[in-house]
Amino acid sequence: MVPVKDPSGSVVGLVSAGITTKHIGDAVTEQLPVALGVSVAAAVTTGGAALLSRRLLRQTQVRHRFHGVIRIEVRQPPLITPQHPAHLP
């Protein structure tokens, strides 16, 4: 409880809150496992996305080399050419 004082300094009332520091500490302790679980899940998801991105990038580069992809300019789409001239019409 905290006293409420008037300008002269005499106590005119008392104020109290239903929440104590112990109650707040207990609430934080209850929520800690959930917060840690969410943090771990976010870290695992981020790591998985990074690994998947790396694998897809590597597979795309291998496929482009296999099909003989030629980039004329950065802004143009890839031009896929046949491996053997005998395939041309």
C-alpha atoms as a PDB file:
ATOM      1  CA  MET A   1       0.000   0.000   0.000  1.00  0.00           C
ATOM      2  CA  VAL A   2       1.067   3.548  -0.739  1.00  0.00           C
ATOM      3  CA  PRO A   3      -0.202   6.595   1.167  1.00  0.00           C
ATOM      4  CA  VAL A   4      -1.855   9.452  -0.728  1.00  0.00           C
ATOM      5  CA  LYS A   5      -0.860  12.814   0.722  1.00  0.00           C
ATOM      6  CA  ASP A   6      -2.334  16.281   0.272  1.00  0.00           C
ATOM      7  CA  PRO A   7      -0.136  19.366  -0.379  1.00  0.00           C
ATOM      8  CA  SER A   8       0.365  19.883   3.368  1.00  0.00           C
ATOM      9  CA  GLY A   9       1.819  16.346   3.700  1.00  0.00           C
ATOM     10  CA  SER A  10      -0.942  14.709   5.721  1.00  0.00           C
ATOM     11  CA  VAL A  11      -2.220  11.292   4.607  1.00  0.00           C
ATOM     12  CA  VAL A  12      -5.657  11.513   3.045  1.00  0.00           C
ATOM     13  CA  GLY A  13      -5.928   7.969   1.708  1.00  0.00           C
ATOM     14  CA  LEU A  14      -4.218   4.715   0.739  1.00  0.00           C
ATOM     15  CA  VAL A  15      -3.779   3.128  -2.671  1.00  0.00           C
ATOM     16  CA  SER A  16      -2.966  -0.485  -3.365  1.00  0.00           C
ATOM     17  CA  ALA A  17      -2.572  -2.606  -6.486  1.00  0.00           C
ATOM     18  CA  GLY A  18      -3.685  -6.200  -6.823  1.00  0.00           C
ATOM     19  CA  ILE A  19      -0.460  -7.152  -8.591  1.00  0.00           C
ATOM     20  CA  THR A  20       2.762  -7.581  -6.634  1.00  0.00           C
ATOM     21  CA  THR A  21       6.302  -8.058  -7.915  1.00  0.00           C
ATOM     22  CA  LYS A  22       6.108 -11.707  -6.842  1.00  0.00           C
ATOM     23  CA  HIS A  23       2.944 -12.128  -8.915  1.00  0.00           C
ATOM     24  CA  ILE A  24       4.689 -10.594 -11.947  1.00  0.00           C
ATOM     25  CA  GLY A  25       7.695 -12.862 -11.441  1.00  0.00           C
ATOM     26  CA  ASP A  26       5.418 -15.906 -11.287  1.00  0.00           C
ATOM     27  CA  ALA A  27       3.671 -14.853 -14.522  1.00  0.00           C
ATOM     28  CA  VAL A  28       7.022 -14.445 -16.299  1.00  0.00           C
ATOM     29  CA  THR A  29       8.177 -17.841 -15.022  1.00  0.00           C
ATOM     30  CA  GLU A  30       4.986 -19.446 -16.384  1.00  0.00           C
ATOM     31  CA  GLN A  31       5.440 -17.855 -19.821  1.00  0.00           C
ATOM     32  CA  LEU A  32       9.179 -18.585 -20.109  1.00  0.00           C
ATOM     33  CA  PRO A  33       8.842 -22.101 -21.607  1.00  0.00           C
ATOM     34  CA  VAL A  34       6.436 -20.802 -24.253  1.00  0.00           C
ATOM     35  CA  ALA A  35       8.756 -17.931 -25.174  1.00  0.00           C
ATOM     36  CA  LEU A  36      11.749 -20.272 -25.378  1.00  0.00           C
ATOM     37  CA  GLY A  37       9.773 -22.731 -27.496  1.00  0.00           C
ATOM     38  CA  VAL A  38       8.741 -20.022 -29.938  1.00  0.00           C
ATOM     39  CA  SER A  39      12.337 -18.784 -30.137  1.00  0.00           C
ATOM     40  CA  VAL A  40      13.664 -22.273 -30.877  1.00  0.00           C
ATOM     41  CA  ALA A  41      10.953 -22.866 -33.486  1.00  0.00           C
ATOM     42  CA  ALA A  42      11.815 -19.581 -35.211  1.00  0.00           C
ATOM     43  CA  ALA A  43      15.523 -20.459 -35.230  1.00  0.00           C
ATOM     44  CA  VAL A  44      14.871 -23.941 -36.667  1.00  0.00           C
ATOM     45  CA  THR A  45      12.561 -22.517 -39.335  1.00  0.00           C
ATOM     46  CA  THR A  46      15.113 -19.871 -40.331  1.00  0.00           C
ATOM     47  CA  GLY A  47      17.888 -22.456 -40.512  1.00  0.00           C
ATOM     48  CA  GLY A  48      15.746 -24.807 -42.587  1.00  0.00           C
ATOM     49  CA  ALA A  49      14.824 -22.025 -44.998  1.00  0.00           C
ATOM     50  CA  ALA A  50      18.498 -21.108 -45.411  1.00  0.00           C
ATOM     51  CA  LEU A  51      19.468 -24.724 -46.135  1.00  0.00           C
ATOM     52  CA  LEU A  52      16.595 -25.151 -48.590  1.00  0.00           C
ATOM     53  CA  SER A  53      17.513 -21.914 -50.353  1.00  0.00           C
ATOM     54  CA  ARG A  54      21.131 -23.025 -50.665  1.00  0.00           C
ATOM     55  CA  ARG A  55      20.135 -26.422 -52.080  1.00  0.00           C
ATOM     56  CA  LEU A  56      17.703 -24.943 -54.608  1.00  0.00           C
ATOM     57  CA  LEU A  57      20.303 -22.426 -55.741  1.00  0.00           C
ATOM     58  CA  ARG A  58      22.882 -25.185 -56.211  1.00  0.00           C
ATOM     59  CA  GLN A  59      20.424 -27.393 -58.149  1.00  0.00           C
ATOM     60  CA  THR A  60      19.402 -24.476 -60.374  1.00  0.00           C
ATOM     61  CA  GLN A  61      23.012 -23.670 -61.191  1.00  0.00           C
ATOM     62  CA  VAL A  62      23.734 -27.310 -62.047  1.00  0.00           C
ATOM     63  CA  ARG A  63      20.667 -27.492 -64.308  1.00  0.00           C
ATOM     64  CA  HIS A  64      21.626 -24.285 -66.109  1.00  0.00           C
ATOM     65  CA  ARG A  65      25.147 -25.592 -66.769  1.00  0.00           C
ATOM     66  CA  PHE A  66      23.737 -28.928 -67.957  1.00  0.00           C
ATOM     67  CA  HIS A  67      21.406 -27.324 -70.507  1.00  0.00           C
ATOM     68  CA  GLY A  68      23.995 -24.848 -71.777  1.00  0.00           C
ATOM     69  CA  VAL A  69      22.291 -21.706 -70.539  1.00  0.00           C
ATOM     70  CA  ILE A  70      23.665 -18.515 -72.056  1.00  0.00           C
ATOM     71  CA  ARG A  71      22.884 -15.132 -70.598  1.00  0.00           C
ATOM     72  CA  ILE A  72      23.184 -12.371 -73.151  1.00  0.00           C
ATOM     73  CA  GLU A  73      22.478  -9.569 -70.669  1.00  0.00           C
ATOM     74  CA  VAL A  74      21.439  -9.461 -67.059  1.00  0.00           C
ATOM     75  CA  ARG A  75      17.991  -8.155 -67.945  1.00  0.00           C
ATOM     76  CA  GLN A  76      17.195 -10.799 -70.553  1.00  0.00           C
ATOM     77  CA  PRO A  77      15.876 -14.283 -69.744  1.00  0.00           C
ATOM     78  CA  PRO A  78      18.181 -17.268 -70.249  1.00  0.00           C
ATOM     79  CA  LEU A  79      18.582 -18.710 -73.747  1.00  0.00           C
ATOM     80  CA  ILE A  80      18.741 -22.506 -73.699  1.00  0.00           C
ATOM     81  CA  THR A  81      20.719 -23.943 -76.603  1.00  0.00           C
ATOM     82  CA  PRO A  82      20.899 -27.601 -77.704  1.00  0.00           C
ATOM     83  CA  GLN A  83      24.019 -29.567 -76.819  1.00  0.00           C
ATOM     84  CA  HIS A  84      24.521 -30.981 -80.336  1.00  0.00           C
ATOM     85  CA  PRO A  85      24.076 -29.016 -83.595  1.00  0.00           C
ATOM     86  CA  ALA A  86      22.427 -32.121 -85.140  1.00  0.00           C
ATOM     87  CA  HIS A  87      19.259 -31.287 -83.185  1.00  0.00           C
ATOM     88  CA  LEU A  88      18.727 -28.029 -85.077  1.00  0.00           C
ATOM     89  CA  PRO A  89      15.941 -28.079 -87.722  1.00  0.00           C
END
